[in-house]
PDB file of N, CA and C in Angstrom:
ATOM      1  N   MET A   1     -10.855  -8.616  17.419  1.00  0.00           N
ATOM      2  CA  MET A   1     -11.900  -8.218  16.475  1.00  0.00           C
ATOM      3  C   MET A   1     -11.676  -6.752  16.126  1.00  0.00           C
ATOM      4  N   ILE A   2     -11.827  -6.435  14.854  1.00  0.00           N
ATOM      5  CA  ILE A   2     -11.616  -5.066  14.369  1.00  0.00           C
ATOM      6  C   ILE A   2     -12.908  -4.518  13.796  1.00  0.00           C
ATOM      7  N   LEU A   3     -12.991  -3.192  13.719  1.00  0.00           N
ATOM      8  CA  LEU A   3     -14.138  -2.524  13.125  1.00  0.00           C
ATOM      9  C   LEU A   3     -13.664  -1.906  11.820  1.00  0.00           C
ATOM     10  N   ALA A   4     -13.947  -2.548  10.709  1.00  0.00           N
ATOM     11  CA  ALA A   4     -13.512  -2.074   9.390  1.00  0.00           C
ATOM     12  C   ALA A   4     -14.435  -0.964   8.926  1.00  0.00           C
ATOM     13  N   THR A   5     -13.873   0.227   8.668  1.00  0.00           N
ATOM     14  CA  THR A   5     -14.675   1.398   8.327  1.00  0.00           C
ATOM     15  C   THR A   5     -14.298   2.023   6.990  1.00  0.00           C
ATOM     16  N   MET A   6     -13.114   1.724   6.440  1.00  0.00           N
ATOM     17  CA  MET A   6     -12.651   2.383   5.224  1.00  0.00           C
ATOM     18  C   MET A   6     -12.724   1.424   4.034  1.00  0.00           C
ATOM     19  N   LYS A   7     -13.354   1.881   2.951  1.00  0.00           N
ATOM     20  CA  LYS A   7     -13.446   1.051   1.738  1.00  0.00           C
ATOM     21  C   LYS A   7     -12.209   1.274   0.898  1.00  0.00           C
ATOM     22  N   THR A   8     -11.647   0.175   0.386  1.00  0.00           N
ATOM     23  CA  THR A   8     -10.505   0.221  -0.497  1.00  0.00           C
ATOM     24  C   THR A   8     -10.752  -0.719  -1.670  1.00  0.00           C
ATOM     25  N   GLN A   9     -10.054  -0.492  -2.763  1.00  0.00           N
ATOM     26  CA  GLN A   9     -10.138  -1.380  -3.920  1.00  0.00           C
ATOM     27  C   GLN A   9      -8.856  -2.194  -3.967  1.00  0.00           C
ATOM     28  N   LEU A  10      -8.968  -3.497  -4.149  1.00  0.00           N
ATOM     29  CA  LEU A  10      -7.828  -4.389  -4.254  1.00  0.00           C
ATOM     30  C   LEU A  10      -7.515  -4.652  -5.710  1.00  0.00           C
ATOM     31  N   LEU A  11      -6.276  -4.474  -6.115  1.00  0.00           N
ATOM     32  CA  LEU A  11      -5.795  -4.852  -7.459  1.00  0.00           C
ATOM     33  C   LEU A  11      -4.855  -5.992  -7.296  1.00  0.00           C
ATOM     34  N   VAL A  12      -5.159  -7.106  -7.958  1.00  0.00           N
ATOM     35  CA  VAL A  12      -4.398  -8.348  -7.778  1.00  0.00           C
ATOM     36  C   VAL A  12      -3.317  -8.455  -8.854  1.00  0.00           C
ATOM     37  N   ALA A  13      -2.084  -8.770  -8.454  1.00  0.00           N
ATOM     38  CA  ALA A  13      -0.990  -8.936  -9.405  1.00  0.00           C
ATOM     39  C   ALA A  13      -1.321 -10.068 -10.375  1.00  0.00           C
ATOM     40  N   ASP A  14      -1.140  -9.814 -11.675  1.00  0.00           N
ATOM     41  CA  ASP A  14      -1.562 -10.759 -12.720  1.00  0.00           C
ATOM     42  C   ASP A  14      -0.430 -11.073 -13.704  1.00  0.00           C
ATOM     43  N   GLY A  15       0.817 -10.974 -13.270  1.00  0.00           N
ATOM     44  CA  GLY A  15       1.923 -11.248 -14.156  1.00  0.00           C
ATOM     45  C   GLY A  15       2.639  -9.960 -14.579  1.00  0.00           C
ATOM     46  N   PHE A  16       3.341 -10.036 -15.714  1.00  0.00           N
ATOM     47  CA  PHE A  16       4.146  -8.910 -16.177  1.00  0.00           C
ATOM     48  C   PHE A  16       3.756  -8.580 -17.624  1.00  0.00           C
ATOM     49  N   ASP A  17       3.943  -7.307 -17.973  1.00  0.00           N
ATOM     50  CA  ASP A  17       3.654  -6.874 -19.350  1.00  0.00           C
ATOM     51  C   ASP A  17       4.920  -7.024 -20.191  1.00  0.00           C
ATOM     52  N   LEU A  18       4.859  -6.516 -21.418  1.00  0.00           N
ATOM     53  CA  LEU A  18       5.945  -6.632 -22.375  1.00  0.00           C
ATOM     54  C   LEU A  18       7.227  -5.957 -21.894  1.00  0.00           C
ATOM     55  N   HIS A  19       7.102  -4.924 -21.057  1.00  0.00           N
ATOM     56  CA  HIS A  19       8.252  -4.151 -20.568  1.00  0.00           C
ATOM     57  C   HIS A  19       8.758  -4.597 -19.198  1.00  0.00           C
ATOM     58  N   GLY A  20       8.204  -5.677 -18.683  1.00  0.00           N
ATOM     59  CA  GLY A  20       8.628  -6.190 -17.373  1.00  0.00           C
ATOM     60  C   GLY A  20       7.958  -5.511 -16.201  1.00  0.00           C
ATOM     61  N   GLN A  21       6.937  -4.676 -16.465  1.00  0.00           N
ATOM     62  CA  GLN A  21       6.218  -3.988 -15.396  1.00  0.00           C
ATOM     63  C   GLN A  21       5.096  -4.914 -14.890  1.00  0.00           C
ATOM     64  N   ARG A  22       4.799  -4.833 -13.590  1.00  0.00           N
ATOM     65  CA  ARG A  22       3.691  -5.616 -13.033  1.00  0.00           C
ATOM     66  C   ARG A  22       2.378  -5.234 -13.668  1.00  0.00           C
ATOM     67  N   ARG A  23       1.564  -6.226 -13.963  1.00  0.00           N
ATOM     68  CA  ARG A  23       0.213  -6.036 -14.461  1.00  0.00           C
ATOM     69  C   ARG A  23      -0.767  -6.379 -13.351  1.00  0.00           C
ATOM     70  N   PHE A  24      -1.867  -5.624 -13.255  1.00  0.00           N
ATOM     71  CA  PHE A  24      -2.850  -5.853 -12.199  1.00  0.00           C
ATOM     72  C   PHE A  24      -4.216  -5.999 -12.792  1.00  0.00           C
ATOM     73  N   LYS A  25      -5.008  -6.873 -12.226  1.00  0.00           N
ATOM     74  CA  LYS A  25      -6.420  -6.988 -12.614  1.00  0.00           C
ATOM     75  C   LYS A  25      -7.264  -6.527 -11.430  1.00  0.00           C
ATOM     76  N   PRO A  26      -8.421  -5.933 -11.725  1.00  0.00           N
ATOM     77  CA  PRO A  26      -9.280  -5.469 -10.623  1.00  0.00           C
ATOM     78  C   PRO A  26      -9.717  -6.623  -9.737  1.00  0.00           C
ATOM     79  N   GLY A  27      -9.596  -6.412  -8.448  1.00  0.00           N
ATOM     80  CA  GLY A  27     -10.050  -7.383  -7.496  1.00  0.00           C
ATOM     81  C   GLY A  27     -11.375  -6.939  -6.908  1.00  0.00           C
ATOM     82  N   LYS A  28     -11.539  -7.165  -5.652  1.00  0.00           N
ATOM     83  CA  LYS A  28     -12.808  -6.808  -5.014  1.00  0.00           C
ATOM     84  C   LYS A  28     -12.631  -5.570  -4.126  1.00  0.00           C
ATOM     85  N   THR A  29     -13.733  -5.049  -3.687  1.00  0.00           N
ATOM     86  CA  THR A  29     -13.717  -3.936  -2.728  1.00  0.00           C
ATOM     87  C   THR A  29     -13.585  -4.520  -1.324  1.00  0.00           C
ATOM     88  N   LEU A  30     -12.649  -3.982  -0.562  1.00  0.00           N
ATOM     89  CA  LEU A  30     -12.394  -4.455   0.802  1.00  0.00           C
ATOM     90  C   LEU A  30     -12.738  -3.362   1.786  1.00  0.00           C
ATOM     91  N   LYS A  31     -13.155  -3.760   2.959  1.00  0.00           N
ATOM     92  CA  LYS A  31     -13.285  -2.819   4.082  1.00  0.00           C
ATOM     93  C   LYS A  31     -12.173  -3.141   5.063  1.00  0.00           C
ATOM     94  N   VAL A  32     -11.408  -2.101   5.413  1.00  0.00           N
ATOM     95  CA  VAL A  32     -10.277  -2.242   6.324  1.00  0.00           C
ATOM     96  C   VAL A  32     -10.408  -1.217   7.430  1.00  0.00           C
ATOM     97  N   ALA A  33      -9.645  -1.410   8.495  1.00  0.00           N
ATOM     98  CA  ALA A  33      -9.617  -0.458   9.605  1.00  0.00           C
ATOM     99  C   ALA A  33      -8.294   0.328   9.494  1.00  0.00           C
ATOM    100  N   PRO A  34      -8.366   1.622   9.262  1.00  0.00           N
ATOM    101  CA  PRO A  34      -7.106   2.396   9.127  1.00  0.00           C
ATOM    102  C   PRO A  34      -6.443   2.592  10.472  1.00  0.00           C
ATOM    103  N   VAL A  35      -5.120   2.454  10.508  1.00  0.00           N
ATOM    104  CA  VAL A  35      -4.330   2.723  11.695  1.00  0.00           C
ATOM    105  C   VAL A  35      -3.509   3.981  11.432  1.00  0.00           C
ATOM    106  N   LYS A  36      -2.851   4.013  10.269  1.00  0.00           N
ATOM    107  CA  LYS A  36      -2.016   5.158   9.903  1.00  0.00           C
ATOM    108  C   LYS A  36      -2.130   5.364   8.401  1.00  0.00           C
ATOM    109  N   VAL A  37      -2.557   6.557   8.016  1.00  0.00           N
ATOM    110  CA  VAL A  37      -2.632   6.917   6.578  1.00  0.00           C
ATOM    111  C   VAL A  37      -1.876   8.218   6.439  1.00  0.00           C
ATOM    112  N   GLU A  38      -0.665   8.119   5.881  1.00  0.00           N
ATOM    113  CA  GLU A  38       0.197   9.278   5.759  1.00  0.00           C
ATOM    114  C   GLU A  38       0.691   9.348   4.308  1.00  0.00           C
ATOM    115  N   ILE A  39       0.081  10.239   3.523  1.00  0.00           N
ATOM    116  CA  ILE A  39       0.469  10.427   2.124  1.00  0.00           C
ATOM    117  C   ILE A  39       0.959  11.864   2.006  1.00  0.00           C
ATOM    118  N   ARG A  40       2.212  12.032   1.532  1.00  0.00           N
ATOM    119  CA  ARG A  40       2.783  13.373   1.534  1.00  0.00           C
ATOM    120  C   ARG A  40       3.676  13.565   0.294  1.00  0.00           C
ATOM    121  N   SER A  41       3.991  14.812   0.013  1.00  0.00           N
ATOM    122  CA  SER A  41       4.933  15.154  -1.018  1.00  0.00           C
ATOM    123  C   SER A  41       6.234  15.530  -0.349  1.00  0.00           C
ATOM    124  N   GLN A  42       7.291  14.797  -0.656  1.00  0.00           N
ATOM    125  CA  GLN A  42       8.568  15.001   0.009  1.00  0.00           C
ATOM    126  C   GLN A  42       9.539  15.694  -0.952  1.00  0.00           C
ATOM    127  N   HIS A  43      10.243  16.695  -0.454  1.00  0.00           N
ATOM    128  CA  HIS A  43      11.195  17.457  -1.250  1.00  0.00           C
ATOM    129  C   HIS A  43      12.455  16.629  -1.488  1.00  0.00           C
ATOM    130  N   THR A  44      12.842  16.473  -2.755  1.00  0.00           N
ATOM    131  CA  THR A  44      14.064  15.750  -3.090  1.00  0.00           C
ATOM    132  C   THR A  44      14.953  16.638  -3.955  1.00  0.00           C
ATOM    133  N   THR A  45      16.236  16.392  -3.885  1.00  0.00           N
ATOM    134  CA  THR A  45      17.140  17.156  -4.721  1.00  0.00           C
ATOM    135  C   THR A  45      17.409  16.409  -6.016  1.00  0.00           C
ATOM    136  N   VAL A  46      17.714  17.188  -7.038  1.00  0.00           N
ATOM    137  CA  VAL A  46      18.002  16.624  -8.336  1.00  0.00           C
ATOM    138  C   VAL A  46      19.495  16.829  -8.616  1.00  0.00           C
ATOM    139  N   ARG A  47      20.102  15.910  -9.305  1.00  0.00           N
ATOM    140  CA  ARG A  47      21.537  15.955  -9.590  1.00  0.00           C
ATOM    141  C   ARG A  47      21.915  17.291 -10.263  1.00  0.00           C
ATOM    142  N   THR A  48      23.061  17.810  -9.899  1.00  0.00           N
ATOM    143  CA  THR A  48      23.556  19.038 -10.503  1.00  0.00           C
ATOM    144  C   THR A  48      23.936  18.773 -11.941  1.00  0.00           C
ATOM    145  N   ASP A  49      23.505  19.652 -12.837  1.00  0.00           N
ATOM    146  CA  ASP A  49      23.885  19.462 -14.245  1.00  0.00           C
ATOM    147  C   ASP A  49      25.196  20.210 -14.543  1.00  0.00           C
ATOM    148  N   SER A  50      25.603  20.209 -15.799  1.00  0.00           N
ATOM    149  CA  SER A  50      26.913  20.775 -16.152  1.00  0.00           C
ATOM    150  C   SER A  50      26.981  22.286 -15.963  1.00  0.00           C
ATOM    151  N   SER A  51      25.824  22.974 -15.919  1.00  0.00           N
ATOM    152  CA  SER A  51      25.866  24.410 -15.746  1.00  0.00           C
ATOM    153  C   SER A  51      26.019  24.816 -14.267  1.00  0.00           C
ATOM    154  N   GLY A  52      25.936  23.883 -13.403  1.00  0.00           N
ATOM    155  CA  GLY A  52      26.127  24.177 -11.993  1.00  0.00           C
ATOM    156  C   GLY A  52      24.857  24.579 -11.254  1.00  0.00           C
ATOM    157  N   THR A  53      23.734  24.561 -11.925  1.00  0.00           N
ATOM    158  CA  THR A  53      22.472  24.898 -11.239  1.00  0.00           C
ATOM    159  C   THR A  53      21.941  23.680 -10.524  1.00  0.00           C
ATOM    160  N   HIS A  54      21.223  23.949  -9.475  1.00  0.00           N
ATOM    161  CA  HIS A  54      20.634  22.862  -8.689  1.00  0.00           C
ATOM    162  C   HIS A  54      19.132  22.855  -8.935  1.00  0.00           C
ATOM    163  N   GLY A  55      18.550  21.681  -8.976  1.00  0.00           N
ATOM    164  CA  GLY A  55      17.124  21.583  -9.170  1.00  0.00           C
ATOM    165  C   GLY A  55      16.502  20.853  -7.987  1.00  0.00           C
ATOM    166  N   ALA A  56      15.224  20.904  -7.931  1.00  0.00           N
ATOM    167  CA  ALA A  56      14.497  20.197  -6.871  1.00  0.00           C
ATOM    168  C   ALA A  56      13.217  19.621  -7.430  1.00  0.00           C
ATOM    169  N   ALA A  57      12.724  18.592  -6.785  1.00  0.00           N
ATOM    170  CA  ALA A  57      11.491  17.969  -7.229  1.00  0.00           C
ATOM    171  C   ALA A  57      10.711  17.523  -6.009  1.00  0.00           C
ATOM    172  N   GLY A  58       9.415  17.349  -6.202  1.00  0.00           N
ATOM    173  CA  GLY A  58       8.571  16.813  -5.154  1.00  0.00           C
ATOM    174  C   GLY A  58       8.226  15.374  -5.473  1.00  0.00           C
ATOM    175  N   GLU A  59       8.492  14.476  -4.583  1.00  0.00           N
ATOM    176  CA  GLU A  59       8.206  13.063  -4.781  1.00  0.00           C
ATOM    177  C   GLU A  59       7.113  12.663  -3.806  1.00  0.00           C
ATOM    178  N   GLN A  60       6.083  12.016  -4.323  1.00  0.00           N
ATOM    179  CA  GLN A  60       4.980  11.595  -3.454  1.00  0.00           C
ATOM    180  C   GLN A  60       5.381  10.305  -2.749  1.00  0.00           C
ATOM    181  N   THR A  61       5.248  10.287  -1.407  1.00  0.00           N
ATOM    182  CA  THR A  61       5.546   9.114  -0.639  1.00  0.00           C
ATOM    183  C   THR A  61       4.311   8.788   0.216  1.00  0.00           C
ATOM    184  N   ALA A  62       4.260   7.541   0.654  1.00  0.00           N
ATOM    185  CA  ALA A  62       3.121   7.124   1.473  1.00  0.00           C
ATOM    186  C   ALA A  62       3.586   6.101   2.501  1.00  0.00           C
ATOM    187  N   ASP A  63       2.968   6.172   3.657  1.00  0.00           N
ATOM    188  CA  ASP A  63       3.189   5.220   4.719  1.00  0.00           C
ATOM    189  C   ASP A  63       1.831   4.887   5.299  1.00  0.00           C
ATOM    190  N   VAL A  64       1.296   3.738   4.965  1.00  0.00           N
ATOM    191  CA  VAL A  64      -0.055   3.377   5.329  1.00  0.00           C
ATOM    192  C   VAL A  64      -0.068   2.044   6.049  1.00  0.00           C
ATOM    193  N   VAL A  65      -0.788   1.983   7.171  1.00  0.00           N
ATOM    194  CA  VAL A  65      -0.996   0.743   7.908  1.00  0.00           C
ATOM    195  C   VAL A  65      -2.501   0.560   8.106  1.00  0.00           C
ATOM    196  N   VAL A  66      -3.023  -0.593   7.692  1.00  0.00           N
ATOM    197  CA  VAL A  66      -4.428  -0.916   7.878  1.00  0.00           C
ATOM    198  C   VAL A  66      -4.559  -2.297   8.489  1.00  0.00           C
ATOM    199  N   LEU A  67      -5.699  -2.538   9.103  1.00  0.00           N
ATOM    200  CA  LEU A  67      -5.995  -3.853   9.675  1.00  0.00           C
ATOM    201  C   LEU A  67      -7.097  -4.487   8.833  1.00  0.00           C
ATOM    202  N   ALA A  68      -6.962  -5.771   8.532  1.00  0.00           N
ATOM    203  CA  ALA A  68      -7.955  -6.489   7.729  1.00  0.00           C
ATOM    204  C   ALA A  68      -8.321  -7.802   8.410  1.00  0.00           C
ATOM    205  N   SER A  69      -9.517  -8.241   8.130  1.00  0.00           N
ATOM    206  CA  SER A  69     -10.006  -9.500   8.653  1.00  0.00           C
ATOM    207  C   SER A  69      -9.131 -10.658   8.157  1.00  0.00           C
ATOM    208  N   PRO A  70      -9.017 -11.737   8.947  1.00  0.00           N
ATOM    209  CA  PRO A  70      -8.208 -12.865   8.492  1.00  0.00           C
ATOM    210  C   PRO A  70      -8.820 -13.555   7.269  1.00  0.00           C
ATOM    211  N   LYS A  71     -10.092 -13.325   7.009  1.00  0.00           N
ATOM    212  CA  LYS A  71     -10.757 -13.903   5.825  1.00  0.00           C
ATOM    213  C   LYS A  71     -10.346 -13.172   4.555  1.00  0.00           C
ATOM    214  N   THR A  72      -9.820 -11.961   4.671  1.00  0.00           N
ATOM    215  CA  THR A  72      -9.424 -11.154   3.540  1.00  0.00           C
ATOM    216  C   THR A  72      -8.174 -11.757   2.907  1.00  0.00           C
ATOM    217  N   ARG A  73      -8.264 -12.119   1.637  1.00  0.00           N
ATOM    218  CA  ARG A  73      -7.136 -12.737   0.948  1.00  0.00           C
ATOM    219  C   ARG A  73      -6.334 -11.675   0.207  1.00  0.00           C
ATOM    220  N   VAL A  74      -5.214 -11.302   0.763  1.00  0.00           N
ATOM    221  CA  VAL A  74      -4.275 -10.366   0.124  1.00  0.00           C
ATOM    222  C   VAL A  74      -2.898 -11.026   0.130  1.00  0.00           C
ATOM    223  N   THR A  75      -2.061 -10.671  -0.838  1.00  0.00           N
ATOM    224  CA  THR A  75      -0.698 -11.217  -0.871  1.00  0.00           C
ATOM    225  C   THR A  75       0.276 -10.040  -1.063  1.00  0.00           C
ATOM    226  N   LEU A  76       1.530 -10.295  -0.834  1.00  0.00           N
ATOM    227  CA  LEU A  76       2.526  -9.297  -1.030  1.00  0.00           C
ATOM    228  C   LEU A  76       2.540  -8.844  -2.481  1.00  0.00           C
ATOM    229  N   ASP A  77       2.803  -7.556  -2.705  1.00  0.00           N
ATOM    230  CA  ASP A  77       2.868  -6.924  -4.028  1.00  0.00           C
ATOM    231  C   ASP A  77       1.507  -6.697  -4.662  1.00  0.00           C
ATOM    232  N   ASP A  78       0.395  -7.067  -4.013  1.00  0.00           N
ATOM    233  CA  ASP A  78      -0.907  -6.632  -4.493  1.00  0.00           C
ATOM    234  C   ASP A  78      -1.006  -5.132  -4.237  1.00  0.00           C
ATOM    235  N   VAL A  79      -1.962  -4.461  -4.839  1.00  0.00           N
ATOM    236  CA  VAL A  79      -2.104  -3.024  -4.709  1.00  0.00           C
ATOM    237  C   VAL A  79      -3.448  -2.696  -4.082  1.00  0.00           C
ATOM    238  N   LEU A  80      -3.453  -1.821  -3.081  1.00  0.00           N
ATOM    239  CA  LEU A  80      -4.674  -1.272  -2.508  1.00  0.00           C
ATOM    240  C   LEU A  80      -4.838   0.153  -3.021  1.00  0.00           C
ATOM    241  N   VAL A  81      -6.030   0.512  -3.433  1.00  0.00           N
ATOM    242  CA  VAL A  81      -6.306   1.889  -3.817  1.00  0.00           C
ATOM    243  C   VAL A  81      -7.020   2.554  -2.650  1.00  0.00           C
ATOM    244  N   VAL A  82      -6.330   3.484  -2.007  1.00  0.00           N
ATOM    245  CA  VAL A  82      -6.838   4.182  -0.817  1.00  0.00           C
ATOM    246  C   VAL A  82      -6.987   5.662  -1.175  1.00  0.00           C
ATOM    247  N   HIS A  83      -8.202   6.160  -1.187  1.00  0.00           N
ATOM    248  CA  HIS A  83      -8.476   7.562  -1.500  1.00  0.00           C
ATOM    249  C   HIS A  83      -7.807   7.979  -2.826  1.00  0.00           C
ATOM    250  N   GLY A  84      -7.861   7.112  -3.827  1.00  0.00           N
ATOM    251  CA  GLY A  84      -7.305   7.415  -5.142  1.00  0.00           C
ATOM    252  C   GLY A  84      -5.797   7.206  -5.260  1.00  0.00           C
ATOM    253  N   ASN A  85      -5.120   6.780  -4.224  1.00  0.00           N
ATOM    254  CA  ASN A  85      -3.667   6.540  -4.249  1.00  0.00           C
ATOM    255  C   ASN A  85      -3.405   5.022  -4.330  1.00  0.00           C
ATOM    256  N   ARG A  86      -2.538   4.638  -5.255  1.00  0.00           N
ATOM    257  CA  ARG A  86      -2.168   3.242  -5.423  1.00  0.00           C
ATOM    258  C   ARG A  86      -1.036   2.908  -4.444  1.00  0.00           C
ATOM    259  N   LEU A  87      -1.285   1.935  -3.557  1.00  0.00           N
ATOM    260  CA  LEU A  87      -0.330   1.560  -2.527  1.00  0.00           C
ATOM    261  C   LEU A  87      -0.017   0.076  -2.644  1.00  0.00           C
ATOM    262  N   ARG A  88       1.274  -0.248  -2.683  1.00  0.00           N
ATOM    263  CA  ARG A  88       1.740  -1.638  -2.806  1.00  0.00           C
ATOM    264  C   ARG A  88       1.857  -2.244  -1.409  1.00  0.00           C
ATOM    265  N   ILE A  89       1.316  -3.456  -1.266  1.00  0.00           N
ATOM    266  CA  ILE A  89       1.389  -4.165   0.017  1.00  0.00           C
ATOM    267  C   ILE A  89       2.826  -4.698   0.161  1.00  0.00           C
ATOM    268  N   GLU A  90       3.497  -4.237   1.230  1.00  0.00           N
ATOM    269  CA  GLU A  90       4.891  -4.582   1.460  1.00  0.00           C
ATOM    270  C   GLU A  90       5.069  -5.594   2.593  1.00  0.00           C
ATOM    271  N   VAL A  91       4.205  -5.521   3.622  1.00  0.00           N
ATOM    272  CA  VAL A  91       4.322  -6.410   4.785  1.00  0.00           C
ATOM    273  C   VAL A  91       2.907  -6.831   5.231  1.00  0.00           C
ATOM    274  N   ILE A  92       2.755  -8.115   5.523  1.00  0.00           N
ATOM    275  CA  ILE A  92       1.482  -8.639   6.112  1.00  0.00           C
ATOM    276  C   ILE A  92       1.875  -9.351   7.384  1.00  0.00           C
ATOM    277  N   LYS A  93       1.394  -8.836   8.525  1.00  0.00           N
ATOM    278  CA  LYS A  93       1.693  -9.427   9.808  1.00  0.00           C
ATOM    279  C   LYS A  93       0.403 -10.008  10.414  1.00  0.00           C
ATOM    280  N   PRO A  94       0.320 -11.328  10.594  1.00  0.00           N
ATOM    281  CA  PRO A  94      -0.839 -11.882  11.292  1.00  0.00           C
ATOM    282  C   PRO A  94      -0.776 -11.515  12.766  1.00  0.00           C
ATOM    283  N   ARG A  95      -1.902 -11.130  13.324  1.00  0.00           N
ATOM    284  CA  ARG A  95      -1.970 -10.789  14.763  1.00  0.00           C
ATOM    285  C   ARG A  95      -2.974 -11.729  15.444  1.00  0.00           C
ATOM    286  N   PHE A  96      -2.631 -12.135  16.654  1.00  0.00           N
ATOM    287  CA  PHE A  96      -3.424 -13.134  17.376  1.00  0.00           C
ATOM    288  C   PHE A  96      -3.984 -12.534  18.676  1.00  0.00           C
ATOM    289  N   ASP A  97      -5.121 -13.078  19.107  1.00  0.00           N
ATOM    290  CA  ASP A  97      -5.699 -12.612  20.374  1.00  0.00           C
ATOM    291  C   ASP A  97      -5.055 -13.371  21.546  1.00  0.00           C
ATOM    292  N   ALA A  98      -5.512 -13.100  22.747  1.00  0.00           N
ATOM    293  CA  ALA A  98      -4.907 -13.680  23.946  1.00  0.00           C
ATOM    294  C   ALA A  98      -5.078 -15.202  23.973  1.00  0.00           C
ATOM    295  N   GLY A  99      -6.096 -15.712  23.298  1.00  0.00           N
ATOM    296  CA  GLY A  99      -6.330 -17.156  23.266  1.00  0.00           C
ATOM    297  C   GLY A  99      -5.554 -17.864  22.177  1.00  0.00           C
ATOM    298  N   GLY A 100      -4.783 -17.105  21.372  1.00  0.00           N
ATOM    299  CA  GLY A 100      -3.955 -17.723  20.348  1.00  0.00           C
ATOM    300  C   GLY A 100      -4.665 -17.863  18.989  1.00  0.00           C
ATOM    301  N   ARG A 101      -5.880 -17.302  18.877  1.00  0.00           N
ATOM    302  CA  ARG A 101      -6.611 -17.379  17.606  1.00  0.00           C
ATOM    303  C   ARG A 101      -6.218 -16.197  16.700  1.00  0.00           C
ATOM    304  N   HIS A 102      -6.209 -16.466  15.385  1.00  0.00           N
ATOM    305  CA  HIS A 102      -5.877 -15.432  14.394  1.00  0.00           C
ATOM    306  C   HIS A 102      -6.981 -14.384  14.424  1.00  0.00           C
ATOM    307  N   ASP A 103      -6.665 -13.174  14.891  1.00  0.00           N
ATOM    308  CA  ASP A 103      -7.642 -12.106  15.052  1.00  0.00           C
ATOM    309  C   ASP A 103      -7.749 -11.215  13.826  1.00  0.00           C
ATOM    310  N   HIS A 104      -6.612 -10.740  13.300  1.00  0.00           N
ATOM    311  CA  HIS A 104      -6.611  -9.865  12.139  1.00  0.00           C
ATOM    312  C   HIS A 104      -5.216  -9.831  11.515  1.00  0.00           C
ATOM    313  N   ASN A 105      -5.113  -9.232  10.350  1.00  0.00           N
ATOM    314  CA  ASN A 105      -3.817  -9.015   9.708  1.00  0.00           C
ATOM    315  C   ASN A 105      -3.479  -7.552   9.699  1.00  0.00           C
ATOM    316  N   GLU A 106      -2.249  -7.230  10.040  1.00  0.00           N
ATOM    317  CA  GLU A 106      -1.744  -5.856   9.956  1.00  0.00           C
ATOM    318  C   GLU A 106      -1.025  -5.725   8.626  1.00  0.00           C
ATOM    319  N   ILE A 107      -1.486  -4.784   7.785  1.00  0.00           N
ATOM    320  CA  ILE A 107      -0.940  -4.672   6.412  1.00  0.00           C
ATOM    321  C   ILE A 107      -0.243  -3.330   6.277  1.00  0.00           C
ATOM    322  N   HIS A 108       1.027  -3.361   5.900  1.00  0.00           N
ATOM    323  CA  HIS A 108       1.825  -2.138   5.690  1.00  0.00           C
ATOM    324  C   HIS A 108       1.957  -1.924   4.200  1.00  0.00           C
ATOM    325  N   CYS A 109       1.694  -0.672   3.766  1.00  0.00           N
ATOM    326  CA  CYS A 109       1.726  -0.342   2.338  1.00  0.00           C
ATOM    327  C   CYS A 109       2.651   0.850   2.102  1.00  0.00           C
ATOM    328  N   VAL A 110       3.247   0.885   0.908  1.00  0.00           N
ATOM    329  CA  VAL A 110       4.030   2.028   0.463  1.00  0.00           C
ATOM    330  C   VAL A 110       3.555   2.462  -0.912  1.00  0.00           C
ATOM    331  N   GLN A 111       3.993   3.631  -1.354  1.00  0.00           N
ATOM    332  CA  GLN A 111       3.562   4.153  -2.653  1.00  0.00           C
ATOM    333  C   GLN A 111       3.920   3.192  -3.757  1.00  0.00           C
ATOM    334  N   ALA A 112       2.977   2.902  -4.628  1.00  0.00           N
ATOM    335  CA  ALA A 112       3.224   1.980  -5.747  1.00  0.00           C
ATOM    336  C   ALA A 112       3.850   2.694  -6.915  1.00  0.00           C
TER     337      ALA A 112
END
């Protein structure tokens, strides 16, 4: 049994747009239990141009793990909005208690 304390918005994948990008429709508000919420700006290098100068950029990355009730219906590639950040669901792991009953789902998300 988990204690869900964090509210998130679920965006459900609804097909593709004209440019082949995923389209999402608003889903429902979910309560999940946060395990790891790590959203950061990571320094990346940019390709050297013909003048020989080097550039740099900041890329936002996220590594988020939450626990959700087994009644919560989420699928891979759906999007969770956590504190204003859009996170794509990459892994869903069902977790079981000692008696073999489905206790909760462990959901891993990355930056969308």
